[in-house]
Protein backbone atom coordinates (compact mmCIF):
# COMPACT_ATOMS: atom_id res chain seq x y z
CA MET A 1 52.67 -28.40 -89.02
CA SER A 2 49.30 -29.85 -89.96
CA LYS A 3 47.55 -32.50 -87.92
CA SER A 4 45.23 -35.30 -88.85
CA PRO A 5 41.57 -34.26 -88.81
CA THR A 6 38.97 -35.75 -86.52
CA PRO A 7 36.23 -37.89 -88.05
CA MET A 8 33.74 -35.10 -87.35
CA GLU A 9 35.89 -32.55 -89.21
CA ILE A 10 36.03 -34.85 -92.22
CA ILE A 11 32.28 -35.51 -92.19
CA SER A 12 31.43 -31.85 -91.66
CA LEU A 13 33.51 -30.63 -94.59
CA ARG A 14 32.26 -33.39 -96.88
CA GLU A 15 28.66 -32.59 -96.04
CA SER A 16 29.25 -28.85 -96.45
CA ALA A 17 30.49 -29.54 -99.98
CA GLN A 18 27.43 -31.77 -100.55
CA LEU A 19 29.61 -34.72 -101.53
CA THR A 20 28.97 -38.40 -101.09
CA GLN A 21 31.69 -40.50 -99.52
CA THR A 22 32.50 -41.89 -102.96
CA GLU A 23 32.83 -38.41 -104.48
CA ALA A 24 35.00 -37.23 -101.60
CA ALA A 25 37.26 -40.26 -101.84
CA THR A 26 37.65 -39.70 -105.57
CA LEU A 27 38.75 -36.10 -104.97
CA VAL A 28 41.81 -37.29 -103.04
CA CYS A 29 42.40 -40.44 -105.15
CA SER A 30 41.38 -42.75 -102.32
CA ALA A 31 39.26 -45.88 -102.12
CA LEU A 32 35.76 -45.59 -100.68
CA ARG A 33 36.61 -48.07 -97.92
CA THR A 34 39.60 -45.98 -96.85
CA TRP A 35 37.37 -42.90 -96.72
CA GLN A 36 34.90 -44.83 -94.56
CA HIS A 37 37.73 -45.74 -92.18
CA TRP A 38 38.68 -42.06 -91.88
CA GLU A 39 35.11 -41.02 -91.14
CA GLY A 40 34.64 -43.97 -88.80
CA GLY A 41 37.77 -43.10 -86.84
CA THR A 42 39.48 -46.47 -87.35
CA ARG A 43 42.27 -44.82 -89.38
CA LYS A 44 43.72 -41.34 -89.40
CA MET A 45 43.75 -39.28 -92.57
CA HIS A 46 47.23 -38.07 -93.50
CA PRO A 47 47.52 -34.31 -92.90
CA GLY A 48 48.57 -33.76 -96.52
CA LEU A 49 45.44 -35.47 -97.83
CA TRP A 50 43.36 -33.46 -95.38
CA GLU A 51 44.88 -30.25 -96.72
CA LEU A 52 44.20 -31.37 -100.30
CA PHE A 53 40.60 -32.26 -99.44
CA GLN A 54 40.09 -28.89 -97.74
CA ILE A 55 41.32 -27.05 -100.84
CA LYS A 56 39.19 -29.06 -103.25
CA ALA A 57 36.07 -29.12 -101.06
CA ASN A 58 36.24 -25.38 -100.47
CA GLN A 59 36.51 -24.80 -104.22
CA ILE A 60 33.36 -26.86 -104.68
CA ILE A 61 31.59 -24.95 -101.93
CA ASP A 62 32.58 -21.63 -103.53
CA ILE A 63 31.25 -22.75 -106.92
CA LYS A 64 27.99 -24.21 -105.59
CA PHE A 65 27.09 -21.25 -103.43
CA ILE A 66 28.02 -18.29 -105.61
C-alpha cells in the first residue's frame, strides 16, 4: 500500500521535473494553494495523487533529459 509523501519528496520530484508549483498542481488537477499546503507540510497528499504525480513527473523528466 502506498503512503503519503513527505514535503521534501514532493519538492524534490517537482524540482527534478523543473516544474513550478502551479504546473505541478495542474498535472494532478489541484489548486495551487492545495499544492502549497502539501509542500508546506500542513496537509498530506493522498497516496493516489502522489502516484499520479510520480508517473507524470517522471514522464516529463524522461522527455526533457533524452
